[in-house]
PDB file of N, CA and C in Angstrom:
ATOM      1  N   MET A   1       5.977  38.472  55.073  1.00  0.00           N
ATOM      2  CA  MET A   1       5.680  39.052  53.791  1.00  0.00           C
ATOM      3  C   MET A   1       6.505  40.337  53.661  1.00  0.00           C
ATOM      4  N   ALA A   2       7.184  40.505  52.560  1.00  0.00           N
ATOM      5  CA  ALA A   2       8.047  41.673  52.366  1.00  0.00           C
ATOM      6  C   ALA A   2       7.333  42.788  51.606  1.00  0.00           C
ATOM      7  N   ILE A   3       6.009  42.808  51.686  1.00  0.00           N
ATOM      8  CA  ILE A   3       5.216  43.862  51.039  1.00  0.00           C
ATOM      9  C   ILE A   3       4.581  44.679  52.148  1.00  0.00           C
ATOM     10  N   PRO A   4       4.843  45.996  52.175  1.00  0.00           N
ATOM     11  CA  PRO A   4       4.264  46.789  53.259  1.00  0.00           C
ATOM     12  C   PRO A   4       2.749  46.918  53.123  1.00  0.00           C
ATOM     13  N   LEU A   5       2.078  46.748  54.232  1.00  0.00           N
ATOM     14  CA  LEU A   5       0.634  46.928  54.314  1.00  0.00           C
ATOM     15  C   LEU A   5       0.377  48.013  55.340  1.00  0.00           C
ATOM     16  N   LEU A   6      -0.736  48.698  55.222  1.00  0.00           N
ATOM     17  CA  LEU A   6      -1.038  49.719  56.216  1.00  0.00           C
ATOM     18  C   LEU A   6      -2.519  49.771  56.511  1.00  0.00           C
ATOM     19  N   ALA A   7      -2.829  50.340  57.629  1.00  0.00           N
ATOM     20  CA  ALA A   7      -4.213  50.547  58.032  1.00  0.00           C
ATOM     21  C   ALA A   7      -4.549  52.023  57.832  1.00  0.00           C
ATOM     22  N   ASP A   8      -5.825  52.337  57.825  1.00  0.00           N
ATOM     23  CA  ASP A   8      -6.276  53.704  57.566  1.00  0.00           C
ATOM     24  C   ASP A   8      -7.329  54.126  58.593  1.00  0.00           C
ATOM     25  N   PRO A   9      -6.969  54.137  59.891  1.00  0.00           N
ATOM     26  CA  PRO A   9      -7.980  54.430  60.910  1.00  0.00           C
ATOM     27  C   PRO A   9      -8.576  55.833  60.806  1.00  0.00           C
ATOM     28  N   SER A  10      -7.865  56.779  60.213  1.00  0.00           N
ATOM     29  CA  SER A  10      -8.413  58.142  60.073  1.00  0.00           C
ATOM     30  C   SER A  10      -9.274  58.278  58.817  1.00  0.00           C
ATOM     31  N   HIS A  11      -9.273  57.267  57.961  1.00  0.00           N
ATOM     32  CA  HIS A  11     -10.001  57.252  56.692  1.00  0.00           C
ATOM     33  C   HIS A  11      -9.469  58.264  55.678  1.00  0.00           C
ATOM     34  N   ALA A  12      -8.293  58.829  55.919  1.00  0.00           N
ATOM     35  CA  ALA A  12      -7.725  59.817  54.990  1.00  0.00           C
ATOM     36  C   ALA A  12      -7.422  59.185  53.635  1.00  0.00           C
ATOM     37  N   ILE A  13      -6.857  57.986  53.647  1.00  0.00           N
ATOM     38  CA  ILE A  13      -6.500  57.329  52.386  1.00  0.00           C
ATOM     39  C   ILE A  13      -7.761  56.887  51.655  1.00  0.00           C
ATOM     40  N   SER A  14      -8.663  56.215  52.350  1.00  0.00           N
ATOM     41  CA  SER A  14      -9.885  55.736  51.695  1.00  0.00           C
ATOM     42  C   SER A  14     -10.709  56.898  51.143  1.00  0.00           C
ATOM     43  N   ARG A  15     -10.734  58.005  51.828  1.00  0.00           N
ATOM     44  CA  ARG A  15     -11.445  59.180  51.331  1.00  0.00           C
ATOM     45  C   ARG A  15     -10.745  59.734  50.087  1.00  0.00           C
ATOM     46  N   SER A  16      -9.410  59.833  50.131  1.00  0.00           N
ATOM     47  CA  SER A  16      -8.645  60.374  49.001  1.00  0.00           C
ATOM     48  C   SER A  16      -8.805  59.543  47.737  1.00  0.00           C
ATOM     49  N   TYR A  17      -8.914  58.222  47.903  1.00  0.00           N
ATOM     50  CA  TYR A  17      -9.009  57.332  46.749  1.00  0.00           C
ATOM     51  C   TYR A  17     -10.442  56.923  46.420  1.00  0.00           C
ATOM     52  N   GLY A  18     -11.414  57.520  47.074  1.00  0.00           N
ATOM     53  CA  GLY A  18     -12.814  57.277  46.738  1.00  0.00           C
ATOM     54  C   GLY A  18     -13.383  55.956  47.217  1.00  0.00           C
ATOM     55  N   ALA A  19     -12.801  55.363  48.246  1.00  0.00           N
ATOM     56  CA  ALA A  19     -13.278  54.064  48.723  1.00  0.00           C
ATOM     57  C   ALA A  19     -14.094  54.164  50.013  1.00  0.00           C
ATOM     58  N   LEU A  20     -14.223  55.361  50.559  1.00  0.00           N
ATOM     59  CA  LEU A  20     -14.969  55.538  51.802  1.00  0.00           C
ATOM     60  C   LEU A  20     -16.436  55.785  51.489  1.00  0.00           C
ATOM     61  N   ILE A  21     -17.301  55.037  52.114  1.00  0.00           N
ATOM     62  CA  ILE A  21     -18.745  55.249  51.952  1.00  0.00           C
ATOM     63  C   ILE A  21     -19.121  56.436  52.830  1.00  0.00           C
ATOM     64  N   GLU A  22     -19.514  57.528  52.200  1.00  0.00           N
ATOM     65  CA  GLU A  22     -19.801  58.762  52.944  1.00  0.00           C
ATOM     66  C   GLU A  22     -21.251  59.217  52.839  1.00  0.00           C
ATOM     67  N   ASP A  23     -22.084  58.455  52.181  1.00  0.00           N
ATOM     68  CA  ASP A  23     -23.489  58.810  52.037  1.00  0.00           C
ATOM     69  C   ASP A  23     -24.187  58.625  53.387  1.00  0.00           C
ATOM     70  N   PRO A  24     -24.660  59.729  53.999  1.00  0.00           N
ATOM     71  CA  PRO A  24     -25.287  59.598  55.323  1.00  0.00           C
ATOM     72  C   PRO A  24     -26.557  58.746  55.304  1.00  0.00           C
ATOM     73  N   ASN A  25     -27.138  58.527  54.134  1.00  0.00           N
ATOM     74  CA  ASN A  25     -28.333  57.679  54.027  1.00  0.00           C
ATOM     75  C   ASN A  25     -27.988  56.198  53.876  1.00  0.00           C
ATOM     76  N   ASP A  26     -26.698  55.891  53.747  1.00  0.00           N
ATOM     77  CA  ASP A  26     -26.255  54.501  53.611  1.00  0.00           C
ATOM     78  C   ASP A  26     -25.917  53.970  54.996  1.00  0.00           C
ATOM     79  N   GLU A  27     -26.458  52.817  55.345  1.00  0.00           N
ATOM     80  CA  GLU A  27     -26.191  52.245  56.674  1.00  0.00           C
ATOM     81  C   GLU A  27     -24.709  51.928  56.871  1.00  0.00           C
ATOM     82  N   ALA A  28     -23.944  51.872  55.778  1.00  0.00           N
ATOM     83  CA  ALA A  28     -22.505  51.604  55.869  1.00  0.00           C
ATOM     84  C   ALA A  28     -21.681  52.895  55.869  1.00  0.00           C
ATOM     85  N   CYS A  29     -22.332  54.014  56.073  1.00  0.00           N
ATOM     86  CA  CYS A  29     -21.621  55.302  56.091  1.00  0.00           C
ATOM     87  C   CYS A  29     -20.460  55.247  57.097  1.00  0.00           C
ATOM     88  N   GLY A  30     -19.280  55.674  56.631  1.00  0.00           N
ATOM     89  CA  GLY A  30     -18.097  55.657  57.473  1.00  0.00           C
ATOM     90  C   GLY A  30     -17.264  54.391  57.341  1.00  0.00           C
ATOM     91  N   VAL A  31     -17.748  53.439  56.531  1.00  0.00           N
ATOM     92  CA  VAL A  31     -17.041  52.180  56.316  1.00  0.00           C
ATOM     93  C   VAL A  31     -16.286  52.278  54.985  1.00  0.00           C
ATOM     94  N   THR A  32     -15.101  51.716  54.961  1.00  0.00           N
ATOM     95  CA  THR A  32     -14.320  51.690  53.733  1.00  0.00           C
ATOM     96  C   THR A  32     -14.633  50.420  52.956  1.00  0.00           C
ATOM     97  N   MET A  33     -14.843  50.582  51.646  1.00  0.00           N
ATOM     98  CA  MET A  33     -15.045  49.410  50.794  1.00  0.00           C
ATOM     99  C   MET A  33     -13.760  48.591  50.765  1.00  0.00           C
ATOM    100  N   ARG A  34     -13.828  47.400  50.249  1.00  0.00           N
ATOM    101  CA  ARG A  34     -12.663  46.507  50.179  1.00  0.00           C
ATOM    102  C   ARG A  34     -11.784  46.971  49.026  1.00  0.00           C
ATOM    103  N   ALA A  35     -10.798  47.756  49.352  1.00  0.00           N
ATOM    104  CA  ALA A  35      -9.958  48.382  48.334  1.00  0.00           C
ATOM    105  C   ALA A  35      -8.501  47.962  48.468  1.00  0.00           C
ATOM    106  N   THR A  36      -7.839  47.891  47.332  1.00  0.00           N
ATOM    107  CA  THR A  36      -6.419  47.583  47.276  1.00  0.00           C
ATOM    108  C   THR A  36      -5.765  48.563  46.326  1.00  0.00           C
ATOM    109  N   TYR A  37      -4.638  49.112  46.733  1.00  0.00           N
ATOM    110  CA  TYR A  37      -3.875  50.030  45.900  1.00  0.00           C
ATOM    111  C   TYR A  37      -2.441  49.526  45.838  1.00  0.00           C
ATOM    112  N   ILE A  38      -1.897  49.448  44.638  1.00  0.00           N
ATOM    113  CA  ILE A  38      -0.491  49.101  44.471  1.00  0.00           C
ATOM    114  C   ILE A  38       0.217  50.393  44.102  1.00  0.00           C
ATOM    115  N   ILE A  39       1.090  50.823  44.997  1.00  0.00           N
ATOM    116  CA  ILE A  39       1.835  52.073  44.823  1.00  0.00           C
ATOM    117  C   ILE A  39       3.309  51.710  44.788  1.00  0.00           C
ATOM    118  N   ASP A  40       4.008  52.145  43.734  1.00  0.00           N
ATOM    119  CA  ASP A  40       5.410  51.744  43.593  1.00  0.00           C
ATOM    120  C   ASP A  40       6.324  52.566  44.498  1.00  0.00           C
ATOM    121  N   GLY A  41       7.605  52.244  44.463  1.00  0.00           N
ATOM    122  CA  GLY A  41       8.594  52.898  45.319  1.00  0.00           C
ATOM    123  C   GLY A  41       8.758  54.385  45.049  1.00  0.00           C
ATOM    124  N   ASN A  42       8.247  54.849  43.906  1.00  0.00           N
ATOM    125  CA  ASN A  42       8.290  56.280  43.581  1.00  0.00           C
ATOM    126  C   ASN A  42       7.002  56.999  43.962  1.00  0.00           C
ATOM    127  N   GLY A  43       6.099  56.273  44.611  1.00  0.00           N
ATOM    128  CA  GLY A  43       4.836  56.877  45.031  1.00  0.00           C
ATOM    129  C   GLY A  43       3.795  56.956  43.930  1.00  0.00           C
ATOM    130  N   VAL A  44       4.002  56.220  42.831  1.00  0.00           N
ATOM    131  CA  VAL A  44       3.065  56.239  41.708  1.00  0.00           C
ATOM    132  C   VAL A  44       2.030  55.128  41.885  1.00  0.00           C
ATOM    133  N   LEU A  45       0.765  55.503  41.800  1.00  0.00           N
ATOM    134  CA  LEU A  45      -0.317  54.528  41.874  1.00  0.00           C
ATOM    135  C   LEU A  45      -0.297  53.700  40.595  1.00  0.00           C
ATOM    136  N   ARG A  46      -0.053  52.414  40.723  1.00  0.00           N
ATOM    137  CA  ARG A  46       0.036  51.531  39.559  1.00  0.00           C
ATOM    138  C   ARG A  46      -1.246  50.736  39.344  1.00  0.00           C
ATOM    139  N   HIS A  47      -2.001  50.530  40.407  1.00  0.00           N
ATOM    140  CA  HIS A  47      -3.223  49.737  40.294  1.00  0.00           C
ATOM    141  C   HIS A  47      -4.145  50.092  41.453  1.00  0.00           C
ATOM    142  N   SER A  48      -5.425  50.198  41.163  1.00  0.00           N
ATOM    143  CA  SER A  48      -6.407  50.340  42.242  1.00  0.00           C
ATOM    144  C   SER A  48      -7.578  49.417  41.937  1.00  0.00           C
ATOM    145  N   HIS A  49      -8.126  48.869  42.983  1.00  0.00           N
ATOM    146  CA  HIS A  49      -9.220  47.918  42.851  1.00  0.00           C
ATOM    147  C   HIS A  49     -10.126  48.121  44.055  1.00  0.00           C
ATOM    148  N   CYS A  50     -11.404  48.301  43.799  1.00  0.00           N
ATOM    149  CA  CYS A  50     -12.335  48.583  44.894  1.00  0.00           C
ATOM    150  C   CYS A  50     -13.588  47.733  44.720  1.00  0.00           C
ATOM    151  N   ASN A  51     -13.864  46.926  45.722  1.00  0.00           N
ATOM    152  CA  ASN A  51     -15.071  46.098  45.714  1.00  0.00           C
ATOM    153  C   ASN A  51     -16.060  46.639  46.733  1.00  0.00           C
ATOM    154  N   ASP A  52     -17.331  46.508  46.415  1.00  0.00           N
ATOM    155  CA  ASP A  52     -18.378  46.800  47.381  1.00  0.00           C
ATOM    156  C   ASP A  52     -18.231  45.810  48.543  1.00  0.00           C
ATOM    157  N   LEU A  53     -18.856  46.113  49.656  1.00  0.00           N
ATOM    158  CA  LEU A  53     -18.636  45.355  50.895  1.00  0.00           C
ATOM    159  C   LEU A  53     -18.867  43.847  50.823  1.00  0.00           C
ATOM    160  N   PRO A  54     -19.841  43.340  50.075  1.00  0.00           N
ATOM    161  CA  PRO A  54     -20.079  41.907  50.152  1.00  0.00           C
ATOM    162  C   PRO A  54     -19.080  41.023  49.401  1.00  0.00           C
ATOM    163  N   VAL A  55     -18.132  41.626  48.665  1.00  0.00           N
ATOM    164  CA  VAL A  55     -17.209  40.806  47.878  1.00  0.00           C
ATOM    165  C   VAL A  55     -15.768  41.094  48.288  1.00  0.00           C
ATOM    166  N   GLY A  56     -15.041  40.045  48.598  1.00  0.00           N
ATOM    167  CA  GLY A  56     -13.657  40.176  49.048  1.00  0.00           C
ATOM    168  C   GLY A  56     -12.668  40.307  47.901  1.00  0.00           C
ATOM    169  N   ARG A  57     -11.399  40.385  48.275  1.00  0.00           N
ATOM    170  CA  ARG A  57     -10.317  40.527  47.306  1.00  0.00           C
ATOM    171  C   ARG A  57      -9.634  39.196  47.078  1.00  0.00           C
ATOM    172  N   ASN A  58      -8.889  39.119  45.985  1.00  0.00           N
ATOM    173  CA  ASN A  58      -8.175  37.904  45.611  1.00  0.00           C
ATOM    174  C   ASN A  58      -6.686  38.137  45.856  1.00  0.00           C
ATOM    175  N   VAL A  59      -6.190  37.683  46.985  1.00  0.00           N
ATOM    176  CA  VAL A  59      -4.793  37.924  47.370  1.00  0.00           C
ATOM    177  C   VAL A  59      -3.810  37.367  46.349  1.00  0.00           C
ATOM    178  N   PRO A  60      -3.992  36.150  45.814  1.00  0.00           N
ATOM    179  CA  PRO A  60      -3.042  35.688  44.793  1.00  0.00           C
ATOM    180  C   PRO A  60      -2.992  36.615  43.572  1.00  0.00           C
ATOM    181  N   GLU A  61      -4.121  37.185  43.198  1.00  0.00           N
ATOM    182  CA  GLU A  61      -4.132  38.119  42.065  1.00  0.00           C
ATOM    183  C   GLU A  61      -3.366  39.400  42.401  1.00  0.00           C
ATOM    184  N   ILE A  62      -3.498  39.895  43.612  1.00  0.00           N
ATOM    185  CA  ILE A  62      -2.765  41.090  44.024  1.00  0.00           C
ATOM    186  C   ILE A  62      -1.259  40.810  43.990  1.00  0.00           C
ATOM    187  N   LEU A  63      -0.852  39.665  44.501  1.00  0.00           N
ATOM    188  CA  LEU A  63       0.572  39.304  44.479  1.00  0.00           C
ATOM    189  C   LEU A  63       1.068  39.126  43.044  1.00  0.00           C
ATOM    190  N   ARG A  64       0.222  38.566  42.161  1.00  0.00           N
ATOM    191  CA  ARG A  64       0.581  38.420  40.752  1.00  0.00           C
ATOM    192  C   ARG A  64       0.802  39.790  40.116  1.00  0.00           C
ATOM    193  N   LEU A  65      -0.059  40.739  40.426  1.00  0.00           N
ATOM    194  CA  LEU A  65       0.084  42.093  39.884  1.00  0.00           C
ATOM    195  C   LEU A  65       1.371  42.758  40.370  1.00  0.00           C
ATOM    196  N   VAL A  66       1.667  42.623  41.652  1.00  0.00           N
ATOM    197  CA  VAL A  66       2.912  43.199  42.185  1.00  0.00           C
ATOM    198  C   VAL A  66       4.103  42.615  41.432  1.00  0.00           C
ATOM    199  N   SER A  67       4.102  41.303  41.253  1.00  0.00           N
ATOM    200  CA  SER A  67       5.191  40.637  40.537  1.00  0.00           C
ATOM    201  C   SER A  67       5.278  41.119  39.090  1.00  0.00           C
ATOM    202  N   ALA A  68       4.145  41.277  38.434  1.00  0.00           N
ATOM    203  CA  ALA A  68       4.128  41.747  37.041  1.00  0.00           C
ATOM    204  C   ALA A  68       4.656  43.170  36.927  1.00  0.00           C
ATOM    205  N   PHE A  69       4.253  44.057  37.830  1.00  0.00           N
ATOM    206  CA  PHE A  69       4.774  45.430  37.800  1.00  0.00           C
ATOM    207  C   PHE A  69       6.282  45.447  38.039  1.00  0.00           C
ATOM    208  N   GLN A  70       6.735  44.644  38.980  1.00  0.00           N
ATOM    209  CA  GLN A  70       8.174  44.584  39.252  1.00  0.00           C
ATOM    210  C   GLN A  70       8.936  44.056  38.041  1.00  0.00           C
ATOM    211  N   HIS A  71       8.410  43.028  37.393  1.00  0.00           N
ATOM    212  CA  HIS A  71       9.059  42.464  36.204  1.00  0.00           C
ATOM    213  C   HIS A  71       9.093  43.504  35.079  1.00  0.00           C
ATOM    214  N   SER A  72       7.984  44.147  34.851  1.00  0.00           N
ATOM    215  CA  SER A  72       7.904  45.155  33.794  1.00  0.00           C
ATOM    216  C   SER A  72       8.876  46.302  34.051  1.00  0.00           C
ATOM    217  N   ASP A  73       8.953  46.746  35.290  1.00  0.00           N
ATOM    218  CA  ASP A  73       9.878  47.832  35.641  1.00  0.00           C
ATOM    219  C   ASP A  73      11.328  47.418  35.430  1.00  0.00           C
ATOM    220  N   GLU A  74      11.652  46.187  35.803  1.00  0.00           N
ATOM    221  CA  GLU A  74      13.036  45.729  35.709  1.00  0.00           C
ATOM    222  C   GLU A  74      13.475  45.456  34.273  1.00  0.00           C
ATOM    223  N   PHE A  75      12.580  44.861  33.478  1.00  0.00           N
ATOM    224  CA  PHE A  75      12.986  44.401  32.151  1.00  0.00           C
ATOM    225  C   PHE A  75      12.375  45.195  30.994  1.00  0.00           C
ATOM    226  N   GLY A  76      11.433  46.110  31.288  1.00  0.00           N
ATOM    227  CA  GLY A  76      10.800  46.895  30.230  1.00  0.00           C
ATOM    228  C   GLY A  76       9.881  46.079  29.346  1.00  0.00           C
ATOM    229  N   GLU A  77       9.430  44.960  29.856  1.00  0.00           N
ATOM    230  CA  GLU A  77       8.572  44.074  29.082  1.00  0.00           C
ATOM    231  C   GLU A  77       7.110  44.224  29.500  1.00  0.00           C
ATOM    232  N   VAL A  78       6.239  43.705  28.663  1.00  0.00           N
ATOM    233  CA  VAL A  78       4.797  43.746  28.908  1.00  0.00           C
ATOM    234  C   VAL A  78       4.367  42.365  29.399  1.00  0.00           C
ATOM    235  N   CYS A  79       3.661  42.342  30.511  1.00  0.00           N
ATOM    236  CA  CYS A  79       3.145  41.092  31.066  1.00  0.00           C
ATOM    237  C   CYS A  79       1.676  40.966  30.669  1.00  0.00           C
ATOM    238  N   PRO A  80       1.351  40.022  29.799  1.00  0.00           N
ATOM    239  CA  PRO A  80      -0.031  39.892  29.333  1.00  0.00           C
ATOM    240  C   PRO A  80      -0.976  39.416  30.433  1.00  0.00           C
ATOM    241  N   ALA A  81      -2.262  39.421  30.119  1.00  0.00           N
ATOM    242  CA  ALA A  81      -3.283  38.965  31.063  1.00  0.00           C
ATOM    243  C   ALA A  81      -2.942  37.575  31.576  1.00  0.00           C
ATOM    244  N   SER A  82      -3.172  37.362  32.830  1.00  0.00           N
ATOM    245  CA  SER A  82      -2.931  36.084  33.511  1.00  0.00           C
ATOM    246  C   SER A  82      -1.463  35.688  33.579  1.00  0.00           C
ATOM    247  N   TRP A  83      -0.552  36.629  33.288  1.00  0.00           N
ATOM    248  CA  TRP A  83       0.881  36.356  33.366  1.00  0.00           C
ATOM    249  C   TRP A  83       1.259  36.014  34.800  1.00  0.00           C
ATOM    250  N   ASN A  84       2.173  35.044  34.931  1.00  0.00           N
ATOM    251  CA  ASN A  84       2.772  34.709  36.217  1.00  0.00           C
ATOM    252  C   ASN A  84       4.278  34.659  36.040  1.00  0.00           C
ATOM    253  N   LYS A  85       4.995  34.850  37.117  1.00  0.00           N
ATOM    254  CA  LYS A  85       6.450  34.846  37.073  1.00  0.00           C
ATOM    255  C   LYS A  85       6.951  33.607  36.344  1.00  0.00           C
ATOM    256  N   GLY A  86       7.835  33.842  35.370  1.00  0.00           N
ATOM    257  CA  GLY A  86       8.386  32.756  34.575  1.00  0.00           C
ATOM    258  C   GLY A  86       7.672  32.555  33.250  1.00  0.00           C
ATOM    259  N   ASP A  87       6.477  33.146  33.099  1.00  0.00           N
ATOM    260  CA  ASP A  87       5.738  33.034  31.838  1.00  0.00           C
ATOM    261  C   ASP A  87       6.366  33.932  30.774  1.00  0.00           C
ATOM    262  N   ALA A  88       5.995  33.679  29.519  1.00  0.00           N
ATOM    263  CA  ALA A  88       6.473  34.493  28.404  1.00  0.00           C
ATOM    264  C   ALA A  88       5.924  35.918  28.509  1.00  0.00           C
ATOM    265  N   THR A  89       6.709  36.860  28.015  1.00  0.00           N
ATOM    266  CA  THR A  89       6.317  38.269  28.001  1.00  0.00           C
ATOM    267  C   THR A  89       6.456  38.807  26.587  1.00  0.00           C
ATOM    268  N   MET A  90       6.076  40.066  26.423  1.00  0.00           N
ATOM    269  CA  MET A  90       6.217  40.774  25.161  1.00  0.00           C
ATOM    270  C   MET A  90       6.983  42.061  25.438  1.00  0.00           C
ATOM    271  N   VAL A  91       7.241  42.804  24.402  1.00  0.00           N
ATOM    272  CA  VAL A  91       7.759  44.157  24.557  1.00  0.00           C
ATOM    273  C   VAL A  91       6.719  45.085  23.940  1.00  0.00           C
ATOM    274  N   PRO A  92       6.703  46.359  24.342  1.00  0.00           N
ATOM    275  CA  PRO A  92       5.668  47.269  23.832  1.00  0.00           C
ATOM    276  C   PRO A  92       5.939  47.734  22.399  1.00  0.00           C
ATOM    277  N   ASP A  93       6.152  46.782  21.502  1.00  0.00           N
ATOM    278  CA  ASP A  93       6.412  47.068  20.088  1.00  0.00           C
ATOM    279  C   ASP A  93       5.848  45.898  19.291  1.00  0.00           C
ATOM    280  N   ALA A  94       4.736  46.139  18.603  1.00  0.00           N
ATOM    281  CA  ALA A  94       4.063  45.069  17.866  1.00  0.00           C
ATOM    282  C   ALA A  94       4.929  44.464  16.777  1.00  0.00           C
ATOM    283  N   ASP A  95       5.937  45.205  16.307  1.00  0.00           N
ATOM    284  CA  ASP A  95       6.795  44.712  15.236  1.00  0.00           C
ATOM    285  C   ASP A  95       8.014  43.953  15.739  1.00  0.00           C
ATOM    286  N   SER A  96       8.222  43.926  17.048  1.00  0.00           N
ATOM    287  CA  SER A  96       9.419  43.247  17.565  1.00  0.00           C
ATOM    288  C   SER A  96       9.271  41.739  17.444  1.00  0.00           C
ATOM    289  N   GLN A  97      10.373  41.064  17.272  1.00  0.00           N
ATOM    290  CA  GLN A  97      10.353  39.603  17.153  1.00  0.00           C
ATOM    291  C   GLN A  97       9.884  38.950  18.450  1.00  0.00           C
ATOM    292  N   LYS A  98      10.246  39.531  19.595  1.00  0.00           N
ATOM    293  CA  LYS A  98       9.825  38.969  20.885  1.00  0.00           C
ATOM    294  C   LYS A  98       8.303  38.963  20.989  1.00  0.00           C
ATOM    295  N   THR A  99       7.680  40.046  20.564  1.00  0.00           N
ATOM    296  CA  THR A  99       6.220  40.120  20.620  1.00  0.00           C
ATOM    297  C   THR A  99       5.605  39.163  19.596  1.00  0.00           C
ATOM    298  N   LYS A 100       6.159  39.102  18.425  1.00  0.00           N
ATOM    299  CA  LYS A 100       5.650  38.169  17.399  1.00  0.00           C
ATOM    300  C   LYS A 100       5.787  36.729  17.886  1.00  0.00           C
ATOM    301  N   ASP A 101       6.909  36.406  18.523  1.00  0.00           N
ATOM    302  CA  ASP A 101       7.115  35.060  19.055  1.00  0.00           C
ATOM    303  C   ASP A 101       6.078  34.739  20.138  1.00  0.00           C
ATOM    304  N   TYR A 102       5.699  35.743  20.914  1.00  0.00           N
ATOM    305  CA  TYR A 102       4.708  35.515  21.970  1.00  0.00           C
ATOM    306  C   TYR A 102       3.397  35.037  21.363  1.00  0.00           C
ATOM    307  N   PHE A 103       3.000  35.734  20.284  1.00  0.00           N
ATOM    308  CA  PHE A 103       1.733  35.384  19.650  1.00  0.00           C
ATOM    309  C   PHE A 103       1.892  34.190  18.736  1.00  0.00           C
TER     310      PHE A 103
END
């Protein structure tokens, strides 16, 4: 996989992004919720998603989001909900013909 992944054993990242359970009255205190952050090559947070412990993440959806952000960055287009690589896109101008054609 050509997407960098990292671990957070010091909990610095999970604490910074609000995903660390720190309530001393919670039996899960010190545990990180199931969180995913998409950060672009410029260090900009593009997406964050945090689930409580009993619910996992959807890896195909995360990969779809990465692809959509990359497409949008490269072409300046808008990727609508449920967009996948190769699907139709729009531009951020409601009056443009490309956007009208999409709808």
